[in-house]
C-alpha atoms as a PDB file:
ATOM      1  CA  MET A   1     -21.310   1.432  -0.924  1.00  0.00           C
ATOM      2  CA  ASN A   2     -21.337   0.604   2.767  1.00  0.00           C
ATOM      3  CA  GLU A   3     -22.096   3.965   4.386  1.00  0.00           C
ATOM      4  CA  ARG A   4     -20.104   3.148   7.499  1.00  0.00           C
ATOM      5  CA  PHE A   5     -16.960   2.503   5.427  1.00  0.00           C
ATOM      6  CA  TYR A   6     -14.541   5.436   5.661  1.00  0.00           C
ATOM      7  CA  PHE A   7     -11.969   5.845   2.897  1.00  0.00           C
ATOM      8  CA  ARG A   8      -9.567   8.644   1.971  1.00  0.00           C
ATOM      9  CA  GLN A   9      -6.915   8.699  -0.739  1.00  0.00           C
ATOM     10  CA  LEU A  10      -4.251  11.329   0.046  1.00  0.00           C
ATOM     11  CA  LEU A  11      -1.611  12.392  -2.465  1.00  0.00           C
ATOM     12  CA  ALA A  12       1.718  13.367  -0.905  1.00  0.00           C
ATOM     13  CA  GLY A  13       2.808  16.762  -2.158  1.00  0.00           C
ATOM     14  CA  ARG A  14      -0.785  17.882  -2.747  1.00  0.00           C
ATOM     15  CA  ASP A  15      -3.022  16.802   0.162  1.00  0.00           C
ATOM     16  CA  ILE A  16      -0.218  16.394   2.712  1.00  0.00           C
ATOM     17  CA  ALA A  17       3.468  17.428   2.713  1.00  0.00           C
ATOM     18  CA  THR A  18       2.566  20.301   0.403  1.00  0.00           C
ATOM     19  CA  ASP A  19       5.923  22.033   0.937  1.00  0.00           C
ATOM     20  CA  ASN A  20       8.013  18.904   0.342  1.00  0.00           C
ATOM     21  CA  PRO A  21       9.581  18.813  -3.149  1.00  0.00           C
ATOM     22  CA  LEU A  22      10.483  15.120  -2.858  1.00  0.00           C
ATOM     23  CA  ALA A  23       6.865  14.276  -2.035  1.00  0.00           C
ATOM     24  CA  ARG A  24       5.710  16.195  -5.106  1.00  0.00           C
ATOM     25  CA  GLN A  25       8.237  14.301  -7.237  1.00  0.00           C
ATOM     26  CA  MET A  26       7.459  10.827  -5.879  1.00  0.00           C
ATOM     27  CA  VAL A  27       3.627  11.248  -5.970  1.00  0.00           C
ATOM     28  CA  ASN A  28       2.965   8.609  -3.310  1.00  0.00           C
ATOM     29  CA  PHE A  29      -0.548   7.860  -2.140  1.00  0.00           C
ATOM     30  CA  VAL A  30      -1.392   7.422   1.535  1.00  0.00           C
ATOM     31  CA  TYR A  31      -4.719   5.817   2.452  1.00  0.00           C
ATOM     32  CA  LEU A  32      -7.063   6.069   5.412  1.00  0.00           C
ATOM     33  CA  MET A  33      -9.672   3.339   5.892  1.00  0.00           C
ATOM     34  CA  GLY A  34     -12.041   2.797   8.765  1.00  0.00           C
ATOM     35  CA  ASP A  35     -15.435   2.372  10.381  1.00  0.00           C
ATOM     36  CA  ARG A  36     -17.415   5.590  10.650  1.00  0.00           C
ATOM     37  CA  GLU A  37     -19.679   4.193  13.378  1.00  0.00           C
ATOM     38  CA  THR A  38     -16.832   3.377  15.751  1.00  0.00           C
ATOM     39  CA  GLY A  39     -14.591   6.234  14.606  1.00  0.00           C
ATOM     40  CA  GLU A  40     -11.610   3.894  14.177  1.00  0.00           C
ATOM     41  CA  ALA A  41      -9.295   4.065  11.172  1.00  0.00           C
ATOM     42  CA  VAL A  42      -6.027   2.616   9.910  1.00  0.00           C
ATOM     43  CA  VAL A  43      -3.447   4.293   7.722  1.00  0.00           C
ATOM     44  CA  VAL A  44      -1.780   2.568   4.775  1.00  0.00           C
ATOM     45  CA  ASP A  45       1.841   3.509   4.036  1.00  0.00           C
ATOM     46  CA  PRO A  46       2.221   6.665   6.150  1.00  0.00           C
ATOM     47  CA  ALA A  47       5.068   8.794   4.828  1.00  0.00           C
ATOM     48  CA  TYR A  48       6.299  12.381   4.303  1.00  0.00           C
ATOM     49  CA  ASP A  49       3.922  14.178   6.701  1.00  0.00           C
ATOM     50  CA  VAL A  50       2.694  12.041   9.574  1.00  0.00           C
ATOM     51  CA  ALA A  51       1.247  14.964  11.546  1.00  0.00           C
ATOM     52  CA  GLY A  52      -0.725  15.980   8.481  1.00  0.00           C
ATOM     53  CA  ILE A  53      -2.088  12.443   8.119  1.00  0.00           C
ATOM     54  CA  VAL A  54      -3.174  12.365  11.757  1.00  0.00           C
ATOM     55  CA  ASP A  55      -4.808  15.785  11.324  1.00  0.00           C
ATOM     56  CA  VAL A  56      -6.801  14.669   8.263  1.00  0.00           C
ATOM     57  CA  ALA A  57      -8.154  11.676  10.164  1.00  0.00           C
ATOM     58  CA  ALA A  58      -9.015  13.844  13.186  1.00  0.00           C
ATOM     59  CA  GLU A  59     -10.771  16.421  11.022  1.00  0.00           C
ATOM     60  CA  ASP A  60     -12.915  13.571   9.685  1.00  0.00           C
ATOM     61  CA  GLY A  61     -13.768  12.488  13.216  1.00  0.00           C
ATOM     62  CA  MET A  62     -11.571   9.382  13.021  1.00  0.00           C
ATOM     63  CA  THR A  63      -8.902   8.062  15.393  1.00  0.00           C
ATOM     64  CA  LEU A  64      -5.953   6.085  14.056  1.00  0.00           C
ATOM     65  CA  THR A  65      -5.764   2.653  15.679  1.00  0.00           C
ATOM     66  CA  GLY A  66      -3.325   0.868  13.349  1.00  0.00           C
ATOM     67  CA  ALA A  67      -1.035   1.067  10.346  1.00  0.00           C
ATOM     68  CA  LEU A  68      -0.874  -1.223   7.317  1.00  0.00           C
ATOM     69  CA  VAL A  69       2.346  -1.599   5.325  1.00  0.00           C
ATOM     70  CA  THR A  70       2.290  -2.615   1.660  1.00  0.00           C
ATOM     71  CA  HIS A  71       6.103  -2.957   1.561  1.00  0.00           C
ATOM     72  CA  TYR A  72       9.236  -1.656   3.243  1.00  0.00           C
ATOM     73  CA  HIS A  73      10.516   0.949   0.755  1.00  0.00           C
ATOM     74  CA  PRO A  74      11.162   4.338   2.423  1.00  0.00           C
ATOM     75  CA  ASP A  75       8.838   6.336   0.185  1.00  0.00           C
ATOM     76  CA  HIS A  76       6.027   4.270   1.711  1.00  0.00           C
ATOM     77  CA  ILE A  77       7.005   3.927   5.382  1.00  0.00           C
ATOM     78  CA  GLY A  78       9.843   6.406   5.900  1.00  0.00           C
ATOM     79  CA  GLY A  79      13.601   6.056   6.128  1.00  0.00           C
ATOM     80  CA  SER A  80      16.613   7.028   4.035  1.00  0.00           C
ATOM     81  CA  MET A  81      16.476   7.181   0.257  1.00  0.00           C
ATOM     82  CA  MET A  82      18.801   8.864  -2.273  1.00  0.00           C
ATOM     83  CA  GLY A  83      20.335  11.025   0.445  1.00  0.00           C
ATOM     84  CA  TYR A  84      16.948  12.143   1.768  1.00  0.00           C
ATOM     85  CA  THR A  85      15.333  11.261   5.069  1.00  0.00           C
ATOM     86  CA  ILE A  86      11.605  10.658   4.760  1.00  0.00           C
ATOM     87  CA  GLU A  87       9.173  10.817   7.669  1.00  0.00           C
ATOM     88  CA  GLY A  88       7.185   7.657   8.218  1.00  0.00           C
ATOM     89  CA  MET A  89       6.289   4.924  10.663  1.00  0.00           C
ATOM     90  CA  ALA A  90       8.905   5.832  13.277  1.00  0.00           C
ATOM     91  CA  GLU A  91       7.689   9.418  13.534  1.00  0.00           C
ATOM     92  CA  LEU A  92       4.039   8.331  13.463  1.00  0.00           C
ATOM     93  CA  MET A  93       4.621   5.964  16.387  1.00  0.00           C
ATOM     94  CA  GLU A  94       6.022   8.881  18.388  1.00  0.00           C
ATOM     95  CA  LEU A  95       2.700  10.662  17.909  1.00  0.00           C
ATOM     96  CA  VAL A  96       0.303   7.728  18.220  1.00  0.00           C
ATOM     97  CA  SER A  97       1.292   4.253  19.399  1.00  0.00           C
ATOM     98  CA  MET A  98      -0.388   1.606  17.253  1.00  0.00           C
ATOM     99  CA  PRO A  99       0.149  -1.916  15.873  1.00  0.00           C
ATOM    100  CA  VAL A 100       1.904  -2.062  12.503  1.00  0.00           C
ATOM    101  CA  HIS A 101       0.544  -4.800  10.229  1.00  0.00           C
ATOM    102  CA  VAL A 102       3.058  -6.407   7.850  1.00  0.00           C
ATOM    103  CA  GLN A 103       3.453  -9.599   5.876  1.00  0.00           C
ATOM    104  CA  THR A 104       5.771 -11.984   7.735  1.00  0.00           C
ATOM    105  CA  GLU A 105       8.255 -11.962   4.837  1.00  0.00           C
ATOM    106  CA  GLU A 106       8.518  -8.156   5.000  1.00  0.00           C
ATOM    107  CA  ALA A 107       9.086  -7.814   8.745  1.00  0.00           C
ATOM    108  CA  ASP A 108      12.895  -7.693   8.638  1.00  0.00           C
ATOM    109  CA  GLY A 109      12.886  -5.030   5.935  1.00  0.00           C
ATOM    110  CA  VAL A 110      10.391  -2.889   7.852  1.00  0.00           C
ATOM    111  CA  LEU A 111      12.438  -3.142  11.051  1.00  0.00           C
ATOM    112  CA  LYS A 112      15.695  -2.211   9.298  1.00  0.00           C
ATOM    113  CA  MET A 113      14.128   0.704   7.427  1.00  0.00           C
ATOM    114  CA  THR A 114      12.198   2.227  10.336  1.00  0.00           C
ATOM    115  CA  GLY A 115      14.095   1.237  13.474  1.00  0.00           C
ATOM    116  CA  LEU A 116      10.876   0.029  15.080  1.00  0.00           C
ATOM    117  CA  ASP A 117      10.905  -2.794  17.623  1.00  0.00           C
ATOM    118  CA  GLU A 118       9.715  -6.257  16.664  1.00  0.00           C
ATOM    119  CA  THR A 119       7.016  -5.915  19.332  1.00  0.00           C
ATOM    120  CA  ASP A 120       5.519  -3.052  17.290  1.00  0.00           C
ATOM    121  CA  LEU A 121       4.764  -5.400  14.387  1.00  0.00           C
ATOM    122  CA  VAL A 122       1.836  -7.739  13.807  1.00  0.00           C
ATOM    123  CA  LYS A 123       2.915 -10.324  11.235  1.00  0.00           C
ATOM    124  CA  HIS A 124       0.377 -11.687   8.766  1.00  0.00           C
ATOM    125  CA  SER A 125      -0.063 -14.415   6.207  1.00  0.00           C
ATOM    126  CA  SER A 126      -2.093 -14.064   3.024  1.00  0.00           C
ATOM    127  CA  GLY A 127      -5.812 -14.221   3.741  1.00  0.00           C
ATOM    128  CA  ASP A 128      -5.571 -12.756   7.241  1.00  0.00           C
ATOM    129  CA  LYS A 129      -8.007  -9.976   8.080  1.00  0.00           C
ATOM    130  CA  VAL A 130      -7.199  -6.829  10.005  1.00  0.00           C
ATOM    131  CA  MET A 131     -10.255  -5.588  11.862  1.00  0.00           C
ATOM    132  CA  VAL A 132     -10.964  -1.876  12.124  1.00  0.00           C
ATOM    133  CA  GLY A 133     -14.182  -1.447  14.017  1.00  0.00           C
ATOM    134  CA  GLU A 134     -16.550  -3.990  12.481  1.00  0.00           C
ATOM    135  CA  LEU A 135     -14.862  -3.963   9.055  1.00  0.00           C
ATOM    136  CA  GLY A 136     -12.392  -6.642   7.979  1.00  0.00           C
ATOM    137  CA  ILE A 137      -9.490  -5.699   5.691  1.00  0.00           C
ATOM    138  CA  GLU A 138      -8.093  -8.734   3.872  1.00  0.00           C
ATOM    139  CA  CYS A 139      -4.329  -9.000   3.431  1.00  0.00           C
ATOM    140  CA  ILE A 140      -3.247 -10.517   0.103  1.00  0.00           C
ATOM    141  CA  HIS A 141       0.422 -11.474  -0.120  1.00  0.00           C
ATOM    142  CA  THR A 142       1.692 -10.335  -3.537  1.00  0.00           C
ATOM    143  CA  PRO A 143       5.466 -10.872  -3.698  1.00  0.00           C
ATOM    144  CA  GLY A 144       7.474  -9.703  -6.664  1.00  0.00           C
ATOM    145  CA  HIS A 145       8.239  -6.034  -6.090  1.00  0.00           C
ATOM    146  CA  THR A 146       9.530  -7.086  -2.666  1.00  0.00           C
ATOM    147  CA  PRO A 147       9.323 -10.493  -0.951  1.00  0.00           C
ATOM    148  CA  GLY A 148       6.606  -9.403   1.457  1.00  0.00           C
ATOM    149  CA  SER A 149       4.589  -6.967  -0.631  1.00  0.00           C
ATOM    150  CA  GLN A 150       0.896  -7.112   0.162  1.00  0.00           C
ATOM    151  CA  CYS A 151      -2.366  -5.616  -1.083  1.00  0.00           C
ATOM    152  CA  PHE A 152      -5.456  -4.826   0.982  1.00  0.00           C
ATOM    153  CA  LEU A 153      -9.002  -5.654  -0.085  1.00  0.00           C
ATOM    154  CA  VAL A 154     -12.020  -4.174   1.677  1.00  0.00           C
ATOM    155  CA  GLU A 155     -15.492  -3.136   0.531  1.00  0.00           C
ATOM    156  CA  GLY A 156     -14.598  -3.407  -3.156  1.00  0.00           C
ATOM    157  CA  HIS A 157     -11.421  -1.342  -2.758  1.00  0.00           C
ATOM    158  CA  LEU A 158      -8.027  -2.860  -3.600  1.00  0.00           C
ATOM    159  CA  VAL A 159      -5.144  -0.845  -2.167  1.00  0.00           C
ATOM    160  CA  ALA A 160      -2.211  -2.284  -4.089  1.00  0.00           C
ATOM    161  CA  GLY A 161       0.930  -0.395  -3.075  1.00  0.00           C
ATOM    162  CA  ASP A 162       3.567  -0.919  -5.774  1.00  0.00           C
ATOM    163  CA  THR A 163       2.321  -4.347  -6.844  1.00  0.00           C
ATOM    164  CA  LEU A 164       0.002  -2.948  -9.505  1.00  0.00           C
ATOM    165  CA  PHE A 165      -0.573   0.473 -11.028  1.00  0.00           C
ATOM    166  CA  LEU A 166      -3.278   1.541 -13.451  1.00  0.00           C
ATOM    167  CA  GLU A 167      -0.499   1.496 -16.046  1.00  0.00           C
ATOM    168  CA  GLY A 168       2.331  -0.948 -15.391  1.00  0.00           C
ATOM    169  CA  CYS A 169       3.434  -2.600 -12.163  1.00  0.00           C
ATOM    170  CA  GLY A 170       6.196  -2.433  -9.588  1.00  0.00           C
ATOM    171  CA  ARG A 171       9.861  -2.805 -10.493  1.00  0.00           C
ATOM    172  CA  THR A 172      11.602  -6.124  -9.966  1.00  0.00           C
ATOM    173  CA  ASP A 173      15.203  -4.946 -10.402  1.00  0.00           C
ATOM    174  CA  LEU A 174      15.530  -3.697  -6.812  1.00  0.00           C
ATOM    175  CA  PRO A 175      16.785  -5.896  -3.939  1.00  0.00           C
ATOM    176  CA  GLY A 176      14.271  -8.675  -3.274  1.00  0.00           C
ATOM    177  CA  GLY A 177      12.495  -8.203  -6.590  1.00  0.00           C
ATOM    178  CA  ASP A 178      11.387 -11.343  -8.429  1.00  0.00           C
ATOM    179  CA  PRO A 179       9.726 -11.092 -11.863  1.00  0.00           C
ATOM    180  CA  ALA A 180       8.342 -14.645 -11.787  1.00  0.00           C
ATOM    181  CA  GLU A 181       6.726 -14.033  -8.400  1.00  0.00           C
ATOM    182  CA  LEU A 182       5.217 -10.769  -9.633  1.00  0.00           C
ATOM    183  CA  TYR A 183       3.712 -12.569 -12.618  1.00  0.00           C
ATOM    184  CA  HIS A 184       1.930 -14.999 -10.288  1.00  0.00           C
ATOM    185  CA  SER A 185       0.889 -12.195  -7.961  1.00  0.00           C
ATOM    186  CA  LEU A 186      -0.798 -10.311 -10.803  1.00  0.00           C
ATOM    187  CA  HIS A 187      -2.240 -13.270 -12.690  1.00  0.00           C
ATOM    188  CA  THR A 188      -2.981 -15.759  -9.906  1.00  0.00           C
ATOM    189  CA  ARG A 189      -2.967 -14.228  -6.426  1.00  0.00           C
ATOM    190  CA  LEU A 190      -5.021 -11.183  -7.460  1.00  0.00           C
ATOM    191  CA  ALA A 191      -7.320 -13.250  -9.704  1.00  0.00           C
ATOM    192  CA  LYS A 192      -9.696 -13.508  -6.742  1.00  0.00           C
ATOM    193  CA  VAL A 193     -10.341  -9.753  -6.944  1.00  0.00           C
ATOM    194  CA  ASP A 194     -13.538  -9.036  -8.862  1.00  0.00           C
ATOM    195  CA  ASP A 195     -13.455  -6.894 -12.005  1.00  0.00           C
ATOM    196  CA  ASN A 196     -15.848  -4.477 -10.285  1.00  0.00           C
ATOM    197  CA  ALA A 197     -13.382  -3.793  -7.464  1.00  0.00           C
ATOM    198  CA  VAL A 198     -11.579  -0.457  -7.728  1.00  0.00           C
ATOM    199  CA  LEU A 199      -7.783  -0.378  -7.857  1.00  0.00           C
ATOM    200  CA  PHE A 200      -6.048   2.241  -5.716  1.00  0.00           C
ATOM    201  CA  PRO A 201      -2.276   2.231  -6.445  1.00  0.00           C
ATOM    202  CA  GLY A 202       0.726   3.345  -4.415  1.00  0.00           C
ATOM    203  CA  HIS A 203       1.660   6.186  -6.801  1.00  0.00           C
ATOM    204  CA  LEU A 204      -0.073   8.562  -9.190  1.00  0.00           C
ATOM    205  CA  TYR A 205       1.606   7.208 -12.317  1.00  0.00           C
ATOM    206  CA  SER A 206      -1.418   7.735 -14.602  1.00  0.00           C
ATOM    207  CA  PRO A 207      -3.884  10.545 -15.306  1.00  0.00           C
ATOM    208  CA  GLU A 208      -6.558   9.002 -13.072  1.00  0.00           C
ATOM    209  CA  PRO A 209      -6.029   8.110  -9.392  1.00  0.00           C
ATOM    210  CA  SER A 210      -8.100   4.917  -9.467  1.00  0.00           C
ATOM    211  CA  GLN A 211      -9.785   2.530 -11.883  1.00  0.00           C
ATOM    212  CA  SER A 212     -11.797  -0.682 -11.868  1.00  0.00           C
ATOM    213  CA  MET A 213      -9.863  -3.915 -11.950  1.00  0.00           C
ATOM    214  CA  GLY A 214     -11.793  -4.865 -15.076  1.00  0.00           C
ATOM    215  CA  GLU A 215     -10.528  -1.813 -16.941  1.00  0.00           C
ATOM    216  CA  THR A 216      -7.034  -2.378 -15.589  1.00  0.00           C
ATOM    217  CA  ARG A 217      -6.981  -5.989 -16.762  1.00  0.00           C
ATOM    218  CA  LYS A 218      -8.295  -4.885 -20.155  1.00  0.00           C
ATOM    219  CA  HIS A 219      -5.856  -2.056 -20.808  1.00  0.00           C
ATOM    220  CA  ASN A 220      -2.757  -2.518 -18.628  1.00  0.00           C
ATOM    221  CA  TYR A 221       0.006  -4.130 -20.700  1.00  0.00           C
ATOM    222  CA  VAL A 222       1.164  -6.267 -17.740  1.00  0.00           C
ATOM    223  CA  PHE A 223      -1.862  -8.497 -18.336  1.00  0.00           C
ATOM    224  CA  MET A 224      -0.969  -9.166 -21.976  1.00  0.00           C
ATOM    225  CA  PRO A 225       1.319 -12.186 -21.342  1.00  0.00           C
ATOM    226  CA  LYS A 226      -0.693 -15.374 -20.870  1.00  0.00           C
ATOM    227  CA  SER A 227       2.089 -17.505 -19.421  1.00  0.00           C
ATOM    228  CA  GLU A 228       5.064 -17.107 -17.114  1.00  0.00           C
ATOM    229  CA  GLU A 229       7.375 -17.715 -20.072  1.00  0.00           C
ATOM    230  CA  GLN A 230       5.806 -14.880 -22.088  1.00  0.00           C
ATOM    231  CA  TRP A 231       5.936 -12.622 -19.040  1.00  0.00           C
ATOM    232  CA  LEU A 232       9.631 -13.311 -18.394  1.00  0.00           C
ATOM    233  CA  SER A 233      10.478 -12.700 -22.037  1.00  0.00           C
ATOM    234  CA  MET A 234       8.873  -9.249 -21.735  1.00  0.00           C
ATOM    235  CA  PHE A 235       9.638  -8.223 -18.158  1.00  0.00           C
ATOM    236  CA  GLY A 236      12.246 -10.622 -16.816  1.00  0.00           C
ATOM    237  CA  GLY A 237      15.302  -8.732 -17.962  1.00  0.00           C
END
């Protein structure tokens, strides 16, 4: 472990937004990653309790200098969902102005969901690195759950949003979902991620909050199909 690498996994409804029943139901994870030596950190998918997220970082001696978005759904970046209004990027930007890093294909969805200005966004392609202090966070474009879903790989940590869970993967029956793309994201685009890397998902949908990619590939049923045709026969409906 790189000692200067700062990493926090926060569970909405438990670690932040403790009085929010929707947060407790949705069990979203929010992540903080940064460089301890410079004191800079970025937040991944800020939602439900932006002041609480900022406070956690400050208590750890870190200053938020950017936000990373896995995808545009409101339980990850704020907005309206099922008649609820969820805090997220818009409210965070009122507290701390910062660049918001998105995949190019996801930019329109993020703007519509949050009401941010296009000038707030930094658009990325797969393979780009977001620097926080002296640490580089690699963006991996993993479409399927949404067109511009992305994962973040840094220091053996894979923050996967709703692309991949310890058990299962993201839905493809929502607007922009594409089961064939998700198959290639899981089996091809994420193949570069070593088995020793640790998967950190977007929700607590399993007993454990994280797991090695090797164990995930061994036990998660989404890795059972060995071809796109097999995958679509199982998950394409």
